Amino acid sequence: MMINQMNQAQLLHWIDRVSFAVVDITEYLDTQKKKKKAINYFNHYIDLRRSALQAYAQKYGPLTIDSANPDNYWNWSDVPLPWEGGNC
């Protein structure tokens, strides 16, 4: 399923999954800095995470300041977050 076809719950689940992969490979790369395959894996999952966060922000509002509207950074948290009952 494409990111733009996911509902809010599916998109949040996808963000959780790719974020876990990013954290996991980041920890691995802390000790294995020169592993080309691991660096490629990291870059792939960073791109997936960034795309998912941007898609979420466009539909439901930003989850992080990185995906906030650059013209309105300081209002990024005005939208209720999912765990605060926002749009779920």
PDB file of N, CA and C in Angstrom:
ATOM      1  N   MET A   1       0.847  -1.180   0.000  1.00  0.00           N
ATOM      2  CA  MET A   1       0.000   0.000   0.000  1.00  0.00           C
ATOM      3  C   MET A   1       0.894   1.245   0.000  1.00  0.00           C
ATOM      4  N   MET A   2       0.542   2.195  -0.804  1.00  0.00           N
ATOM      5  CA  MET A   2       1.299   3.439  -0.889  1.00  0.00           C
ATOM      6  C   MET A   2       0.985   4.335   0.310  1.00  0.00           C
ATOM      7  N   ILE A   3       1.944   5.161   0.689  1.00  0.00           N
ATOM      8  CA  ILE A   3       1.778   6.041   1.847  1.00  0.00           C
ATOM      9  C   ILE A   3       0.548   6.934   1.718  1.00  0.00           C
ATOM     10  N   ASN A   4       0.315   7.469   0.530  1.00  0.00           N
ATOM     11  CA  ASN A   4      -0.816   8.391   0.365  1.00  0.00           C
ATOM     12  C   ASN A   4      -2.170   7.692   0.402  1.00  0.00           C
ATOM     13  N   GLN A   5      -2.191   6.346   0.426  1.00  0.00           N
ATOM     14  CA  GLN A   5      -3.441   5.597   0.531  1.00  0.00           C
ATOM     15  C   GLN A   5      -3.720   5.126   1.955  1.00  0.00           C
ATOM     16  N   MET A   6      -2.792   5.362   2.872  1.00  0.00           N
ATOM     17  CA  MET A   6      -2.942   4.892   4.250  1.00  0.00           C
ATOM     18  C   MET A   6      -3.830   5.833   5.054  1.00  0.00           C
ATOM     19  N   ASN A   7      -4.614   5.255   5.956  1.00  0.00           N
ATOM     20  CA  ASN A   7      -5.375   6.087   6.883  1.00  0.00           C
ATOM     21  C   ASN A   7      -4.439   6.495   8.034  1.00  0.00           C
ATOM     22  N   GLN A   8      -4.943   7.255   8.976  1.00  0.00           N
ATOM     23  CA  GLN A   8      -4.088   7.789  10.028  1.00  0.00           C
ATOM     24  C   GLN A   8      -3.436   6.687  10.867  1.00  0.00           C
ATOM     25  N   ALA A   9      -4.212   5.705  11.268  1.00  0.00           N
ATOM     26  CA  ALA A   9      -3.661   4.624  12.100  1.00  0.00           C
ATOM     27  C   ALA A   9      -2.599   3.828  11.345  1.00  0.00           C
ATOM     28  N   GLN A  10      -2.842   3.544  10.078  1.00  0.00           N
ATOM     29  CA  GLN A  10      -1.864   2.807   9.277  1.00  0.00           C
ATOM     30  C   GLN A  10      -0.578   3.616   9.109  1.00  0.00           C
ATOM     31  N   LEU A  11      -0.745   4.896   8.877  1.00  0.00           N
ATOM     32  CA  LEU A  11       0.418   5.759   8.696  1.00  0.00           C
ATOM     33  C   LEU A  11       1.238   5.870   9.989  1.00  0.00           C
ATOM     34  N   LEU A  12       0.572   6.005  11.120  1.00  0.00           N
ATOM     35  CA  LEU A  12       1.285   6.027  12.403  1.00  0.00           C
ATOM     36  C   LEU A  12       2.031   4.717  12.641  1.00  0.00           C
ATOM     37  N   HIS A  13       1.399   3.599  12.304  1.00  0.00           N
ATOM     38  CA  HIS A  13       2.047   2.297  12.458  1.00  0.00           C
ATOM     39  C   HIS A  13       3.278   2.200  11.554  1.00  0.00           C
ATOM     40  N   TRP A  14       3.158   2.668  10.322  1.00  0.00           N
ATOM     41  CA  TRP A  14       4.280   2.662   9.389  1.00  0.00           C
ATOM     42  C   TRP A  14       5.422   3.547   9.918  1.00  0.00           C
ATOM     43  N   ILE A  15       5.093   4.713  10.427  1.00  0.00           N
ATOM     44  CA  ILE A  15       6.116   5.605  10.992  1.00  0.00           C
ATOM     45  C   ILE A  15       6.820   4.921  12.155  1.00  0.00           C
ATOM     46  N   ASP A  16       6.072   4.235  13.001  1.00  0.00           N
ATOM     47  CA  ASP A  16       6.685   3.480  14.105  1.00  0.00           C
ATOM     48  C   ASP A  16       7.663   2.431  13.591  1.00  0.00           C
ATOM     49  N   ARG A  17       7.258   1.700  12.574  1.00  0.00           N
ATOM     50  CA  ARG A  17       8.097   0.617  12.039  1.00  0.00           C
ATOM     51  C   ARG A  17       9.387   1.147  11.421  1.00  0.00           C
ATOM     52  N   VAL A  18       9.270   2.163  10.572  1.00  0.00           N
ATOM     53  CA  VAL A  18      10.485   2.661   9.929  1.00  0.00           C
ATOM     54  C   VAL A  18      11.359   3.425  10.924  1.00  0.00           C
ATOM     55  N   SER A  19      10.750   4.068  11.910  1.00  0.00           N
ATOM     56  CA  SER A  19      11.532   4.746  12.949  1.00  0.00           C
ATOM     57  C   SER A  19      12.321   3.733  13.773  1.00  0.00           C
ATOM     58  N   PHE A  20      11.710   2.586  14.077  1.00  0.00           N
ATOM     59  CA  PHE A  20      12.423   1.534  14.800  1.00  0.00           C
ATOM     60  C   PHE A  20      13.635   1.070  13.992  1.00  0.00           C
ATOM     61  N   ALA A  21      13.433   0.878  12.682  1.00  0.00           N
ATOM     62  CA  ALA A  21      14.537   0.450  11.822  1.00  0.00           C
ATOM     63  C   ALA A  21      15.666   1.482  11.822  1.00  0.00           C
ATOM     64  N   VAL A  22      15.313   2.755  11.790  1.00  0.00           N
ATOM     65  CA  VAL A  22      16.330   3.819  11.804  1.00  0.00           C
ATOM     66  C   VAL A  22      17.118   3.789  13.114  1.00  0.00           C
ATOM     67  N   VAL A  23      16.429   3.668  14.229  1.00  0.00           N
ATOM     68  CA  VAL A  23      17.116   3.625  15.529  1.00  0.00           C
ATOM     69  C   VAL A  23      18.012   2.388  15.608  1.00  0.00           C
ATOM     70  N   ASP A  24      17.492   1.265  15.175  1.00  0.00           N
ATOM     71  CA  ASP A  24      18.243   0.011  15.234  1.00  0.00           C
ATOM     72  C   ASP A  24      19.518   0.079  14.397  1.00  0.00           C
ATOM     73  N   ILE A  25      19.409   0.542  13.177  1.00  0.00           N
ATOM     74  CA  ILE A  25      20.596   0.601  12.315  1.00  0.00           C
ATOM     75  C   ILE A  25      21.558   1.695  12.775  1.00  0.00           C
ATOM     76  N   THR A  26      21.035   2.748  13.386  1.00  0.00           N
ATOM     77  CA  THR A  26      21.901   3.799  13.939  1.00  0.00           C
ATOM     78  C   THR A  26      22.784   3.217  15.036  1.00  0.00           C
ATOM     79  N   GLU A  27      22.194   2.389  15.891  1.00  0.00           N
ATOM     80  CA  GLU A  27      22.978   1.761  16.964  1.00  0.00           C
ATOM     81  C   GLU A  27      24.026   0.817  16.390  1.00  0.00           C
ATOM     82  N   TYR A  28      23.667   0.083  15.350  1.00  0.00           N
ATOM     83  CA  TYR A  28      24.625  -0.806  14.704  1.00  0.00           C
ATOM     84  C   TYR A  28      25.781   0.001  14.107  1.00  0.00           C
ATOM     85  N   LEU A  29      25.439   1.098  13.438  1.00  0.00           N
ATOM     86  CA  LEU A  29      26.478   1.916  12.800  1.00  0.00           C
ATOM     87  C   LEU A  29      27.382   2.626  13.801  1.00  0.00           C
ATOM     88  N   ASP A  30      26.948   2.727  15.051  1.00  0.00           N
ATOM     89  CA  ASP A  30      27.825   3.290  16.078  1.00  0.00           C
ATOM     90  C   ASP A  30      29.108   2.478  16.220  1.00  0.00           C
ATOM     91  N   THR A  31      29.024   1.178  15.951  1.00  0.00           N
ATOM     92  CA  THR A  31      30.202   0.321  16.087  1.00  0.00           C
ATOM     93  C   THR A  31      30.734  -0.182  14.750  1.00  0.00           C
ATOM     94  N   GLN A  32      29.955  -0.047  13.701  1.00  0.00           N
ATOM     95  CA  GLN A  32      30.332  -0.570  12.371  1.00  0.00           C
ATOM     96  C   GLN A  32      30.242   0.538  11.324  1.00  0.00           C
ATOM     97  N   LYS A  33      30.984   1.596  11.529  1.00  0.00           N
ATOM     98  CA  LYS A  33      30.860   2.811  10.718  1.00  0.00           C
ATOM     99  C   LYS A  33      31.167   2.633   9.229  1.00  0.00           C
ATOM    100  N   LYS A  34      31.940   1.648   8.872  1.00  0.00           N
ATOM    101  CA  LYS A  34      32.408   1.511   7.488  1.00  0.00           C
ATOM    102  C   LYS A  34      31.617   0.502   6.664  1.00  0.00           C
ATOM    103  N   LYS A  35      30.559  -0.045   7.200  1.00  0.00           N
ATOM    104  CA  LYS A  35      29.774  -1.065   6.493  1.00  0.00           C
ATOM    105  C   LYS A  35      28.859  -0.408   5.461  1.00  0.00           C
ATOM    106  N   LYS A  36      29.237  -0.534   4.200  1.00  0.00           N
ATOM    107  CA  LYS A  36      28.509   0.114   3.100  1.00  0.00           C
ATOM    108  C   LYS A  36      27.043  -0.353   3.030  1.00  0.00           C
ATOM    109  N   LYS A  37      26.822  -1.645   3.203  1.00  0.00           N
ATOM    110  CA  LYS A  37      25.462  -2.174   3.135  1.00  0.00           C
ATOM    111  C   LYS A  37      24.591  -1.582   4.249  1.00  0.00           C
ATOM    112  N   ALA A  38      25.148  -1.438   5.435  1.00  0.00           N
ATOM    113  CA  ALA A  38      24.409  -0.866   6.560  1.00  0.00           C
ATOM    114  C   ALA A  38      24.126   0.619   6.323  1.00  0.00           C
ATOM    115  N   ILE A  39      25.067   1.328   5.755  1.00  0.00           N
ATOM    116  CA  ILE A  39      24.863   2.750   5.443  1.00  0.00           C
ATOM    117  C   ILE A  39      23.755   2.909   4.411  1.00  0.00           C
ATOM    118  N   ASN A  40      23.733   2.040   3.402  1.00  0.00           N
ATOM    119  CA  ASN A  40      22.661   2.080   2.402  1.00  0.00           C
ATOM    120  C   ASN A  40      21.305   1.776   3.031  1.00  0.00           C
ATOM    121  N   TYR A  41      21.264   0.811   3.929  1.00  0.00           N
ATOM    122  CA  TYR A  41      20.042   0.458   4.658  1.00  0.00           C
ATOM    123  C   TYR A  41      19.558   1.660   5.467  1.00  0.00           C
ATOM    124  N   PHE A  42      20.484   2.291   6.178  1.00  0.00           N
ATOM    125  CA  PHE A  42      20.164   3.484   6.967  1.00  0.00           C
ATOM    126  C   PHE A  42      19.562   4.574   6.072  1.00  0.00           C
ATOM    127  N   ASN A  43      20.230   4.875   4.970  1.00  0.00           N
ATOM    128  CA  ASN A  43      19.743   5.926   4.069  1.00  0.00           C
ATOM    129  C   ASN A  43      18.364   5.603   3.516  1.00  0.00           C
ATOM    130  N   HIS A  44      18.136   4.344   3.181  1.00  0.00           N
ATOM    131  CA  HIS A  44      16.832   3.926   2.662  1.00  0.00           C
ATOM    132  C   HIS A  44      15.726   4.170   3.701  1.00  0.00           C
ATOM    133  N   TYR A  45      15.967   3.737   4.936  1.00  0.00           N
ATOM    134  CA  TYR A  45      14.944   3.885   5.974  1.00  0.00           C
ATOM    135  C   TYR A  45      14.775   5.326   6.449  1.00  0.00           C
ATOM    136  N   ILE A  46      15.821   6.104   6.394  1.00  0.00           N
ATOM    137  CA  ILE A  46      15.699   7.542   6.690  1.00  0.00           C
ATOM    138  C   ILE A  46      14.773   8.197   5.660  1.00  0.00           C
ATOM    139  N   ASP A  47      14.950   7.832   4.380  1.00  0.00           N
ATOM    140  CA  ASP A  47      14.083   8.384   3.330  1.00  0.00           C
ATOM    141  C   ASP A  47      12.630   7.951   3.520  1.00  0.00           C
ATOM    142  N   LEU A  48      12.425   6.675   3.863  1.00  0.00           N
ATOM    143  CA  LEU A  48      11.057   6.194   4.108  1.00  0.00           C
ATOM    144  C   LEU A  48      10.418   6.942   5.275  1.00  0.00           C
ATOM    145  N   ARG A  49      11.188   7.130   6.347  1.00  0.00           N
ATOM    146  CA  ARG A  49      10.676   7.832   7.535  1.00  0.00           C
ATOM    147  C   ARG A  49      10.327   9.276   7.196  1.00  0.00           C
ATOM    148  N   ARG A  50      11.216   9.947   6.500  1.00  0.00           N
ATOM    149  CA  ARG A  50      10.992  11.352   6.123  1.00  0.00           C
ATOM    150  C   ARG A  50       9.730  11.484   5.271  1.00  0.00           C
ATOM    151  N   SER A  51       9.569  10.593   4.306  1.00  0.00           N
ATOM    152  CA  SER A  51       8.375  10.623   3.443  1.00  0.00           C
ATOM    153  C   SER A  51       7.097  10.382   4.246  1.00  0.00           C
ATOM    154  N   ALA A  52       7.161   9.431   5.156  1.00  0.00           N
ATOM    155  CA  ALA A  52       5.984   9.126   5.975  1.00  0.00           C
ATOM    156  C   ALA A  52       5.629  10.293   6.890  1.00  0.00           C
ATOM    157  N   LEU A  53       6.632  10.913   7.506  1.00  0.00           N
ATOM    158  CA  LEU A  53       6.369  12.068   8.373  1.00  0.00           C
ATOM    159  C   LEU A  53       5.786  13.239   7.583  1.00  0.00           C
ATOM    160  N   GLN A  54       6.280  13.441   6.367  1.00  0.00           N
ATOM    161  CA  GLN A  54       5.744  14.523   5.532  1.00  0.00           C
ATOM    162  C   GLN A  54       4.308  14.227   5.117  1.00  0.00           C
ATOM    163  N   ALA A  55       4.039  12.970   4.745  1.00  0.00           N
ATOM    164  CA  ALA A  55       2.671  12.594   4.364  1.00  0.00           C
ATOM    165  C   ALA A  55       1.721  12.772   5.541  1.00  0.00           C
ATOM    166  N   TYR A  56       2.160  12.364   6.723  1.00  0.00           N
ATOM    167  CA  TYR A  56       1.330  12.515   7.918  1.00  0.00           C
ATOM    168  C   TYR A  56       1.063  13.998   8.191  1.00  0.00           C
ATOM    169  N   ALA A  57       2.098  14.807   8.108  1.00  0.00           N
ATOM    170  CA  ALA A  57       1.959  16.239   8.383  1.00  0.00           C
ATOM    171  C   ALA A  57       0.982  16.904   7.419  1.00  0.00           C
ATOM    172  N   GLN A  58       1.003  16.504   6.168  1.00  0.00           N
ATOM    173  CA  GLN A  58       0.096  17.091   5.182  1.00  0.00           C
ATOM    174  C   GLN A  58      -1.361  16.739   5.473  1.00  0.00           C
ATOM    175  N   LYS A  59      -1.595  15.512   5.924  1.00  0.00           N
ATOM    176  CA  LYS A  59      -2.975  15.063   6.171  1.00  0.00           C
ATOM    177  C   LYS A  59      -3.502  15.427   7.551  1.00  0.00           C
ATOM    178  N   TYR A  60      -2.635  15.283   8.589  1.00  0.00           N
ATOM    179  CA  TYR A  60      -3.130  15.353   9.965  1.00  0.00           C
ATOM    180  C   TYR A  60      -2.410  16.365  10.848  1.00  0.00           C
ATOM    181  N   GLY A  61      -1.365  16.965  10.350  1.00  0.00           N
ATOM    182  CA  GLY A  61      -0.569  17.882  11.154  1.00  0.00           C
ATOM    183  C   GLY A  61       0.757  17.228  11.536  1.00  0.00           C
ATOM    184  N   PRO A  62       1.755  18.024  11.818  1.00  0.00           N
ATOM    185  CA  PRO A  62       3.092  17.486  12.077  1.00  0.00           C
ATOM    186  C   PRO A  62       3.190  16.722  13.399  1.00  0.00           C
ATOM    187  N   LEU A  63       3.977  15.641  13.370  1.00  0.00           N
ATOM    188  CA  LEU A  63       4.278  14.890  14.586  1.00  0.00           C
ATOM    189  C   LEU A  63       5.551  15.410  15.248  1.00  0.00           C
ATOM    190  N   THR A  64       6.422  15.981  14.446  1.00  0.00           N
ATOM    191  CA  THR A  64       7.693  16.513  14.932  1.00  0.00           C
ATOM    192  C   THR A  64       7.923  17.887  14.315  1.00  0.00           C
ATOM    193  N   ILE A  65       8.815  18.624  14.903  1.00  0.00           N
ATOM    194  CA  ILE A  65       9.098  19.956  14.355  1.00  0.00           C
ATOM    195  C   ILE A  65       9.735  19.867  12.971  1.00  0.00           C
ATOM    196  N   ASP A  66      10.403  18.752  12.674  1.00  0.00           N
ATOM    197  CA  ASP A  66      11.028  18.594  11.349  1.00  0.00           C
ATOM    198  C   ASP A  66      10.000  18.569  10.223  1.00  0.00           C
ATOM    199  N   SER A  67       8.798  18.116  10.533  1.00  0.00           N
ATOM    200  CA  SER A  67       7.776  18.039   9.493  1.00  0.00           C
ATOM    201  C   SER A  67       6.773  19.192   9.589  1.00  0.00           C
ATOM    202  N   ALA A  68       7.082  20.176  10.394  1.00  0.00           N
ATOM    203  CA  ALA A  68       6.213  21.353  10.522  1.00  0.00           C
ATOM    204  C   ALA A  68       6.391  22.271   9.318  1.00  0.00           C
ATOM    205  N   ASN A  69       5.392  23.073   9.081  1.00  0.00           N
ATOM    206  CA  ASN A  69       5.445  24.068   8.016  1.00  0.00           C
ATOM    207  C   ASN A  69       6.525  25.095   8.356  1.00  0.00           C
ATOM    208  N   PRO A  70       7.508  25.287   7.466  1.00  0.00           N
ATOM    209  CA  PRO A  70       8.601  26.218   7.767  1.00  0.00           C
ATOM    210  C   PRO A  70       8.146  27.659   8.027  1.00  0.00           C
ATOM    211  N   ASP A  71       6.991  28.032   7.495  1.00  0.00           N
ATOM    212  CA  ASP A  71       6.484  29.385   7.712  1.00  0.00           C
ATOM    213  C   ASP A  71       5.805  29.528   9.069  1.00  0.00           C
ATOM    214  N   ASN A  72       5.624  28.408   9.755  1.00  0.00           N
ATOM    215  CA  ASN A  72       4.831  28.415  10.970  1.00  0.00           C
ATOM    216  C   ASN A  72       5.396  27.450  12.020  1.00  0.00           C
ATOM    217  N   TYR A  73       6.728  27.378  12.131  1.00  0.00           N
ATOM    218  CA  TYR A  73       7.364  26.412  13.031  1.00  0.00           C
ATOM    219  C   TYR A  73       6.816  26.447  14.443  1.00  0.00           C
ATOM    220  N   TRP A  74       6.585  27.614  14.969  1.00  0.00           N
ATOM    221  CA  TRP A  74       6.261  27.709  16.389  1.00  0.00           C
ATOM    222  C   TRP A  74       4.821  27.371  16.711  1.00  0.00           C
ATOM    223  N   ASN A  75       4.038  27.077  15.693  1.00  0.00           N
ATOM    224  CA  ASN A  75       2.661  26.641  15.912  1.00  0.00           C
ATOM    225  C   ASN A  75       2.498  25.143  15.640  1.00  0.00           C
ATOM    226  N   TRP A  76       3.592  24.415  15.444  1.00  0.00           N
ATOM    227  CA  TRP A  76       3.517  23.005  15.055  1.00  0.00           C
ATOM    228  C   TRP A  76       2.788  22.149  16.084  1.00  0.00           C
ATOM    229  N   SER A  77       2.836  22.531  17.339  1.00  0.00           N
ATOM    230  CA  SER A  77       2.204  21.702  18.355  1.00  0.00           C
ATOM    231  C   SER A  77       0.785  22.154  18.700  1.00  0.00           C
ATOM    232  N   ASP A  78       0.239  23.097  17.937  1.00  0.00           N
ATOM    233  CA  ASP A  78      -1.127  23.559  18.190  1.00  0.00           C
ATOM    234  C   ASP A  78      -2.172  22.510  17.817  1.00  0.00           C
ATOM    235  N   VAL A  79      -1.837  21.615  16.899  1.00  0.00           N
ATOM    236  CA  VAL A  79      -2.743  20.557  16.483  1.00  0.00           C
ATOM    237  C   VAL A  79      -2.663  19.441  17.526  1.00  0.00           C
ATOM    238  N   PRO A  80      -3.798  18.933  18.018  1.00  0.00           N
ATOM    239  CA  PRO A  80      -3.735  17.833  18.991  1.00  0.00           C
ATOM    240  C   PRO A  80      -3.044  16.616  18.377  1.00  0.00           C
ATOM    241  N   LEU A  81      -2.092  16.064  19.092  1.00  0.00           N
ATOM    242  CA  LEU A  81      -1.365  14.894  18.623  1.00  0.00           C
ATOM    243  C   LEU A  81      -2.224  13.647  18.819  1.00  0.00           C
ATOM    244  N   PRO A  82      -1.904  12.558  18.122  1.00  0.00           N
ATOM    245  CA  PRO A  82      -2.756  11.361  18.186  1.00  0.00           C
ATOM    246  C   PRO A  82      -3.021  10.874  19.617  1.00  0.00           C
ATOM    247  N   TRP A  83      -2.019  10.909  20.465  1.00  0.00           N
ATOM    248  CA  TRP A  83      -2.209  10.443  21.846  1.00  0.00           C
ATOM    249  C   TRP A  83      -2.969  11.458  22.704  1.00  0.00           C
ATOM    250  N   GLU A  84      -3.255  12.621  22.126  1.00  0.00           N
ATOM    251  CA  GLU A  84      -4.085  13.627  22.790  1.00  0.00           C
ATOM    252  C   GLU A  84      -5.503  13.638  22.222  1.00  0.00           C
ATOM    253  N   GLY A  85      -5.812  12.647  21.382  1.00  0.00           N
ATOM    254  CA  GLY A  85      -7.130  12.539  20.796  1.00  0.00           C
ATOM    255  C   GLY A  85      -7.285  13.214  19.458  1.00  0.00           C
ATOM    256  N   GLY A  86      -6.212  13.673  18.862  1.00  0.00           N
ATOM    257  CA  GLY A  86      -6.283  14.370  17.584  1.00  0.00           C
ATOM    258  C   GLY A  86      -6.481  13.429  16.402  1.00  0.00           C
ATOM    259  N   ASN A  87      -7.505  13.667  15.629  1.00  0.00           N
ATOM    260  CA  ASN A  87      -7.782  12.993  14.351  1.00  0.00           C
ATOM    261  C   ASN A  87      -7.750  11.478  14.366  1.00  0.00           C
ATOM    262  N   CYS A  88      -7.906  10.821  15.463  1.00  0.00           N
ATOM    263  CA  CYS A  88      -7.904   9.341  15.437  1.00  0.00           C
ATOM    264  C   CYS A  88      -9.310   8.804  15.508  1.00  0.00           C
TER     265      CYS A  88
END
